[in-house]
Structure formats: structure tokens, C-alpha cells
Amino acid sequence: KQGKVHCATGNCYTPFDEHTSDKVCFVQLTRHLTKEEATAKLQSCKELMTQNKVDGFTFVETPEKFRIT
């Protein structure tokens, strides 16, 4: 049964069906961006994120170390 599944954290006694998690989109920059450019690009994804129940973004480091400035 789902309620009998153990949590990976060890001392967790929360039933399986009551656990929550965040769904994130991984973003890898392909060039340096200004804060304004990045904001516009990320906001353009808002409807798609809502439809797919995505909670936020996380950025993946690149060898070139592209940044938002």
C-alpha cells in the first residue's frame, strides 16, 4: 500500500500520499544576459509553467560561466 512506503530521509513518518515536492525547470544559459533580458525570457514561460505545474527555475553551470548581469 502507498502508506507503507518508507521515505528516503529515514525518520520520516509522513504517509506517502502526503509527501510533496517541487517541480523545477533547469535552465542553461547560452550567452551572457542582462537582468532585463533574462526576466523577459523567464516571464515568457509563465503560462507554460502554470500548465505543467512547474514551481520555478534552477540554473545549470556552463563551462563558459555565462551569467545574468
PDB file of N, CA and C in Angstrom:
ATOM      1  N   LYS A   1       0.842  -1.189   0.000  1.00  0.00           N
ATOM      2  CA  LYS A   1       0.000   0.000   0.000  1.00  0.00           C
ATOM      3  C   LYS A   1       0.881   1.245   0.000  1.00  0.00           C
ATOM      4  N   GLN A   2       0.363   2.333  -0.550  1.00  0.00           N
ATOM      5  CA  GLN A   2       1.143   3.562  -0.614  1.00  0.00           C
ATOM      6  C   GLN A   2       1.552   4.061   0.762  1.00  0.00           C
ATOM      7  N   GLY A   3       0.713   3.966   1.746  1.00  0.00           N
ATOM      8  CA  GLY A   3       1.016   4.460   3.079  1.00  0.00           C
ATOM      9  C   GLY A   3       2.161   3.727   3.743  1.00  0.00           C
ATOM     10  N   LYS A   4       2.541   2.573   3.230  1.00  0.00           N
ATOM     11  CA  LYS A   4       3.610   1.769   3.820  1.00  0.00           C
ATOM     12  C   LYS A   4       4.976   2.054   3.196  1.00  0.00           C
ATOM     13  N   VAL A   5       5.038   2.887   2.172  1.00  0.00           N
ATOM     14  CA  VAL A   5       6.308   3.195   1.516  1.00  0.00           C
ATOM     15  C   VAL A   5       7.128   4.081   2.446  1.00  0.00           C
ATOM     16  N   HIS A   6       8.394   3.716   2.644  1.00  0.00           N
ATOM     17  CA  HIS A   6       9.258   4.480   3.535  1.00  0.00           C
ATOM     18  C   HIS A   6       9.891   5.658   2.799  1.00  0.00           C
ATOM     19  N   CYS A   7      10.084   6.737   3.538  1.00  0.00           N
ATOM     20  CA  CYS A   7      10.700   7.937   2.996  1.00  0.00           C
ATOM     21  C   CYS A   7      12.215   7.756   2.967  1.00  0.00           C
ATOM     22  N   ALA A   8      12.864   8.319   1.988  1.00  0.00           N
ATOM     23  CA  ALA A   8      14.319   8.211   1.849  1.00  0.00           C
ATOM     24  C   ALA A   8      15.068   8.962   2.948  1.00  0.00           C
ATOM     25  N   THR A   9      14.392   9.859   3.669  1.00  0.00           N
ATOM     26  CA  THR A   9      15.080  10.627   4.703  1.00  0.00           C
ATOM     27  C   THR A   9      15.287   9.847   5.987  1.00  0.00           C
ATOM     28  N   GLY A  10      14.696   8.687   6.120  1.00  0.00           N
ATOM     29  CA  GLY A  10      14.944   7.854   7.288  1.00  0.00           C
ATOM     30  C   GLY A  10      13.888   7.951   8.365  1.00  0.00           C
ATOM     31  N   ASN A  11      13.902   8.987   9.179  1.00  0.00           N
ATOM     32  CA  ASN A  11      12.993   9.106  10.317  1.00  0.00           C
ATOM     33  C   ASN A  11      11.697   9.835   9.977  1.00  0.00           C
ATOM     34  N   CYS A  12      11.250   9.719   8.762  1.00  0.00           N
ATOM     35  CA  CYS A  12      10.027  10.386   8.323  1.00  0.00           C
ATOM     36  C   CYS A  12       8.855   9.428   8.460  1.00  0.00           C
ATOM     37  N   TYR A  13       7.798   9.886   9.107  1.00  0.00           N
ATOM     38  CA  TYR A  13       6.615   9.049   9.308  1.00  0.00           C
ATOM     39  C   TYR A  13       5.389   9.598   8.570  1.00  0.00           C
ATOM     40  N   THR A  14       5.628  10.543   7.661  1.00  0.00           N
ATOM     41  CA  THR A  14       4.545  11.106   6.860  1.00  0.00           C
ATOM     42  C   THR A  14       4.086  10.065   5.848  1.00  0.00           C
ATOM     43  N   PRO A  15       2.785   9.860   5.719  1.00  0.00           N
ATOM     44  CA  PRO A  15       2.287   8.908   4.717  1.00  0.00           C
ATOM     45  C   PRO A  15       2.744   9.299   3.307  1.00  0.00           C
ATOM     46  N   PHE A  16       2.989   8.323   2.491  1.00  0.00           N
ATOM     47  CA  PHE A  16       3.484   8.530   1.133  1.00  0.00           C
ATOM     48  C   PHE A  16       2.650   9.556   0.362  1.00  0.00           C
ATOM     49  N   ASP A  17       1.333   9.432   0.436  1.00  0.00           N
ATOM     50  CA  ASP A  17       0.464  10.308  -0.348  1.00  0.00           C
ATOM     51  C   ASP A  17       0.398  11.743   0.184  1.00  0.00           C
ATOM     52  N   GLU A  18       1.026  12.019   1.308  1.00  0.00           N
ATOM     53  CA  GLU A  18       1.066  13.385   1.845  1.00  0.00           C
ATOM     54  C   GLU A  18       2.402  14.085   1.563  1.00  0.00           C
ATOM     55  N   HIS A  19       3.360  13.383   0.974  1.00  0.00           N
ATOM     56  CA  HIS A  19       4.632  13.995   0.628  1.00  0.00           C
ATOM     57  C   HIS A  19       4.446  14.977  -0.529  1.00  0.00           C
ATOM     58  N   THR A  20       5.262  15.992  -0.548  1.00  0.00           N
ATOM     59  CA  THR A  20       5.223  16.967  -1.635  1.00  0.00           C
ATOM     60  C   THR A  20       6.630  17.121  -2.212  1.00  0.00           C
ATOM     61  N   SER A  21       6.702  17.716  -3.379  1.00  0.00           N
ATOM     62  CA  SER A  21       7.997  18.004  -3.994  1.00  0.00           C
ATOM     63  C   SER A  21       7.828  19.202  -4.917  1.00  0.00           C
ATOM     64  N   ASP A  22       8.945  19.822  -5.237  1.00  0.00           N
ATOM     65  CA  ASP A  22       8.930  20.942  -6.169  1.00  0.00           C
ATOM     66  C   ASP A  22       9.309  20.433  -7.554  1.00  0.00           C
ATOM     67  N   LYS A  23       8.650  20.992  -8.552  1.00  0.00           N
ATOM     68  CA  LYS A  23       8.956  20.666  -9.937  1.00  0.00           C
ATOM     69  C   LYS A  23       9.646  21.892 -10.511  1.00  0.00           C
ATOM     70  N   VAL A  24      10.877  21.723 -10.984  1.00  0.00           N
ATOM     71  CA  VAL A  24      11.636  22.865 -11.484  1.00  0.00           C
ATOM     72  C   VAL A  24      12.072  22.647 -12.925  1.00  0.00           C
ATOM     73  N   CYS A  25      12.326  23.745 -13.581  1.00  0.00           N
ATOM     74  CA  CYS A  25      12.843  23.751 -14.940  1.00  0.00           C
ATOM     75  C   CYS A  25      14.333  24.089 -14.854  1.00  0.00           C
ATOM     76  N   PHE A  26      15.180  23.243 -15.439  1.00  0.00           N
ATOM     77  CA  PHE A  26      16.617  23.504 -15.457  1.00  0.00           C
ATOM     78  C   PHE A  26      16.940  24.384 -16.658  1.00  0.00           C
ATOM     79  N   VAL A  27      17.665  25.471 -16.417  1.00  0.00           N
ATOM     80  CA  VAL A  27      17.994  26.436 -17.459  1.00  0.00           C
ATOM     81  C   VAL A  27      19.506  26.509 -17.600  1.00  0.00           C
ATOM     82  N   GLN A  28      19.984  26.409 -18.838  1.00  0.00           N
ATOM     83  CA  GLN A  28      21.410  26.554 -19.115  1.00  0.00           C
ATOM     84  C   GLN A  28      21.564  27.723 -20.076  1.00  0.00           C
ATOM     85  N   LEU A  29      22.257  28.752 -19.628  1.00  0.00           N
ATOM     86  CA  LEU A  29      22.446  29.939 -20.460  1.00  0.00           C
ATOM     87  C   LEU A  29      23.379  29.626 -21.620  1.00  0.00           C
ATOM     88  N   THR A  30      23.113  30.250 -22.770  1.00  0.00           N
ATOM     89  CA  THR A  30      23.969  30.068 -23.947  1.00  0.00           C
ATOM     90  C   THR A  30      24.775  31.324 -24.248  1.00  0.00           C
ATOM     91  N   ARG A  31      24.544  32.363 -23.430  1.00  0.00           N
ATOM     92  CA  ARG A  31      25.318  33.613 -23.538  1.00  0.00           C
ATOM     93  C   ARG A  31      25.049  34.430 -22.291  1.00  0.00           C
ATOM     94  N   HIS A  32      25.816  35.491 -22.105  1.00  0.00           N
ATOM     95  CA  HIS A  32      25.558  36.418 -21.003  1.00  0.00           C
ATOM     96  C   HIS A  32      24.266  37.180 -21.301  1.00  0.00           C
ATOM     97  N   LEU A  33      23.467  37.427 -20.274  1.00  0.00           N
ATOM     98  CA  LEU A  33      22.221  38.175 -20.431  1.00  0.00           C
ATOM     99  C   LEU A  33      22.166  39.303 -19.413  1.00  0.00           C
ATOM    100  N   THR A  34      21.482  40.373 -19.779  1.00  0.00           N
ATOM    101  CA  THR A  34      21.198  41.405 -18.792  1.00  0.00           C
ATOM    102  C   THR A  34      20.044  40.905 -17.927  1.00  0.00           C
ATOM    103  N   LYS A  35      19.867  41.521 -16.796  1.00  0.00           N
ATOM    104  CA  LYS A  35      18.758  41.145 -15.909  1.00  0.00           C
ATOM    105  C   LYS A  35      17.427  41.328 -16.632  1.00  0.00           C
ATOM    106  N   GLU A  36      17.316  42.392 -17.410  1.00  0.00           N
ATOM    107  CA  GLU A  36      16.076  42.684 -18.140  1.00  0.00           C
ATOM    108  C   GLU A  36      15.793  41.611 -19.187  1.00  0.00           C
ATOM    109  N   GLU A  37      16.838  41.181 -19.927  1.00  0.00           N
ATOM    110  CA  GLU A  37      16.660  40.132 -20.937  1.00  0.00           C
ATOM    111  C   GLU A  37      16.226  38.820 -20.279  1.00  0.00           C
ATOM    112  N   ALA A  38      16.884  38.476 -19.204  1.00  0.00           N
ATOM    113  CA  ALA A  38      16.574  37.227 -18.503  1.00  0.00           C
ATOM    114  C   ALA A  38      15.158  37.251 -17.955  1.00  0.00           C
ATOM    115  N   THR A  39      14.768  38.367 -17.364  1.00  0.00           N
ATOM    116  CA  THR A  39      13.419  38.496 -16.808  1.00  0.00           C
ATOM    117  C   THR A  39      12.370  38.317 -17.899  1.00  0.00           C
ATOM    118  N   ALA A  40      12.581  38.963 -19.037  1.00  0.00           N
ATOM    119  CA  ALA A  40      11.627  38.853 -20.150  1.00  0.00           C
ATOM    120  C   ALA A  40      11.534  37.405 -20.649  1.00  0.00           C
ATOM    121  N   LYS A  41      12.672  36.748 -20.787  1.00  0.00           N
ATOM    122  CA  LYS A  41      12.670  35.358 -21.273  1.00  0.00           C
ATOM    123  C   LYS A  41      11.960  34.431 -20.287  1.00  0.00           C
ATOM    124  N   LEU A  42      12.269  34.577 -18.994  1.00  0.00           N
ATOM    125  CA  LEU A  42      11.660  33.702 -17.995  1.00  0.00           C
ATOM    126  C   LEU A  42      10.163  33.972 -17.861  1.00  0.00           C
ATOM    127  N   GLN A  43       9.764  35.236 -17.920  1.00  0.00           N
ATOM    128  CA  GLN A  43       8.342  35.568 -17.819  1.00  0.00           C
ATOM    129  C   GLN A  43       7.560  35.061 -19.023  1.00  0.00           C
ATOM    130  N   SER A  44       8.227  34.933 -20.169  1.00  0.00           N
ATOM    131  CA  SER A  44       7.531  34.424 -21.363  1.00  0.00           C
ATOM    132  C   SER A  44       7.153  32.956 -21.202  1.00  0.00           C
ATOM    133  N   CYS A  45       7.736  32.278 -20.222  1.00  0.00           N
ATOM    134  CA  CYS A  45       7.443  30.860 -19.956  1.00  0.00           C
ATOM    135  C   CYS A  45       6.343  30.677 -18.915  1.00  0.00           C
ATOM    136  N   LYS A  46       5.829  31.761 -18.365  1.00  0.00           N
ATOM    137  CA  LYS A  46       4.903  31.687 -17.225  1.00  0.00           C
ATOM    138  C   LYS A  46       3.681  30.806 -17.499  1.00  0.00           C
ATOM    139  N   GLU A  47       3.032  30.983 -18.624  1.00  0.00           N
ATOM    140  CA  GLU A  47       1.824  30.204 -18.929  1.00  0.00           C
ATOM    141  C   GLU A  47       2.157  28.717 -19.068  1.00  0.00           C
ATOM    142  N   LEU A  48       3.253  28.405 -19.745  1.00  0.00           N
ATOM    143  CA  LEU A  48       3.677  27.025 -19.913  1.00  0.00           C
ATOM    144  C   LEU A  48       4.023  26.388 -18.562  1.00  0.00           C
ATOM    145  N   MET A  49       4.659  27.162 -17.691  1.00  0.00           N
ATOM    146  CA  MET A  49       4.989  26.668 -16.351  1.00  0.00           C
ATOM    147  C   MET A  49       3.725  26.365 -15.555  1.00  0.00           C
ATOM    148  N   THR A  50       2.748  27.249 -15.636  1.00  0.00           N
ATOM    149  CA  THR A  50       1.484  27.053 -14.922  1.00  0.00           C
ATOM    150  C   THR A  50       0.776  25.801 -15.427  1.00  0.00           C
ATOM    151  N   GLN A  51       0.726  25.635 -16.735  1.00  0.00           N
ATOM    152  CA  GLN A  51       0.072  24.463 -17.329  1.00  0.00           C
ATOM    153  C   GLN A  51       0.734  23.158 -16.874  1.00  0.00           C
ATOM    154  N   ASN A  52       2.049  23.186 -16.698  1.00  0.00           N
ATOM    155  CA  ASN A  52       2.801  21.984 -16.329  1.00  0.00           C
ATOM    156  C   ASN A  52       3.130  21.902 -14.846  1.00  0.00           C
ATOM    157  N   LYS A  53       2.546  22.839 -14.065  1.00  0.00           N
ATOM    158  CA  LYS A  53       2.714  22.865 -12.609  1.00  0.00           C
ATOM    159  C   LYS A  53       4.190  22.924 -12.190  1.00  0.00           C
ATOM    160  N   VAL A  54       4.960  23.738 -12.915  1.00  0.00           N
ATOM    161  CA  VAL A  54       6.375  23.946 -12.598  1.00  0.00           C
ATOM    162  C   VAL A  54       6.466  25.062 -11.574  1.00  0.00           C
ATOM    163  N   ASP A  55       7.236  24.819 -10.495  1.00  0.00           N
ATOM    164  CA  ASP A  55       7.326  25.769  -9.386  1.00  0.00           C
ATOM    165  C   ASP A  55       8.377  26.853  -9.581  1.00  0.00           C
ATOM    166  N   GLY A  56       9.392  26.593 -10.379  1.00  0.00           N
ATOM    167  CA  GLY A  56      10.445  27.589 -10.532  1.00  0.00           C
ATOM    168  C   GLY A  56      11.566  27.112 -11.437  1.00  0.00           C
ATOM    169  N   PHE A  57      12.671  27.859 -11.400  1.00  0.00           N
ATOM    170  CA  PHE A  57      13.830  27.588 -12.241  1.00  0.00           C
ATOM    171  C   PHE A  57      15.046  27.295 -11.383  1.00  0.00           C
ATOM    172  N   THR A  58      15.958  26.544 -11.941  1.00  0.00           N
ATOM    173  CA  THR A  58      17.298  26.411 -11.379  1.00  0.00           C
ATOM    174  C   THR A  58      18.262  26.485 -12.552  1.00  0.00           C
ATOM    175  N   PHE A  59      19.397  27.112 -12.323  1.00  0.00           N
ATOM    176  CA  PHE A  59      20.345  27.340 -13.403  1.00  0.00           C
ATOM    177  C   PHE A  59      21.486  26.337 -13.345  1.00  0.00           C
ATOM    178  N   VAL A  60      21.838  25.826 -14.525  1.00  0.00           N
ATOM    179  CA  VAL A  60      22.909  24.851 -14.663  1.00  0.00           C
ATOM    180  C   VAL A  60      24.168  25.601 -15.092  1.00  0.00           C
ATOM    181  N   GLU A  61      25.269  25.336 -14.401  1.00  0.00           N
ATOM    182  CA  GLU A  61      26.548  25.988 -14.732  1.00  0.00           C
ATOM    183  C   GLU A  61      27.040  25.506 -16.092  1.00  0.00           C
ATOM    184  N   THR A  62      27.674  26.403 -16.833  1.00  0.00           N
ATOM    185  CA  THR A  62      28.268  26.057 -18.121  1.00  0.00           C
ATOM    186  C   THR A  62      29.771  26.211 -18.012  1.00  0.00           C
ATOM    187  N   PRO A  63      30.524  25.520 -18.878  1.00  0.00           N
ATOM    188  CA  PRO A  63      31.983  25.705 -18.882  1.00  0.00           C
ATOM    189  C   PRO A  63      32.370  27.160 -19.156  1.00  0.00           C
ATOM    190  N   GLU A  64      31.525  27.862 -19.928  1.00  0.00           N
ATOM    191  CA  GLU A  64      31.796  29.266 -20.269  1.00  0.00           C
ATOM    192  C   GLU A  64      31.441  30.220 -19.135  1.00  0.00           C
ATOM    193  N   LYS A  65      30.720  29.721 -18.128  1.00  0.00           N
ATOM    194  CA  LYS A  65      30.298  30.510 -16.974  1.00  0.00           C
ATOM    195  C   LYS A  65      29.475  31.742 -17.368  1.00  0.00           C
ATOM    196  N   PHE A  66      28.490  31.510 -18.252  1.00  0.00           N
ATOM    197  CA  PHE A  66      27.580  32.588 -18.644  1.00  0.00           C
ATOM    198  C   PHE A  66      26.816  33.070 -17.423  1.00  0.00           C
ATOM    199  N   ARG A  67      26.511  34.356 -17.386  1.00  0.00           N
ATOM    200  CA  ARG A  67      25.872  34.957 -16.208  1.00  0.00           C
ATOM    201  C   ARG A  67      24.778  35.939 -16.633  1.00  0.00           C
ATOM    202  N   ILE A  68      23.890  36.201 -15.667  1.00  0.00           N
ATOM    203  CA  ILE A  68      22.890  37.270 -15.780  1.00  0.00           C
ATOM    204  C   ILE A  68      23.455  38.439 -15.004  1.00  0.00           C
ATOM    205  N   THR A  69      23.599  39.574 -15.671  1.00  0.00           N
ATOM    206  CA  THR A  69      24.226  40.738 -15.012  1.00  0.00           C
ATOM    207  C   THR A  69      23.284  41.930 -14.982  1.00  0.00           C
TER     208      THR A  69
END
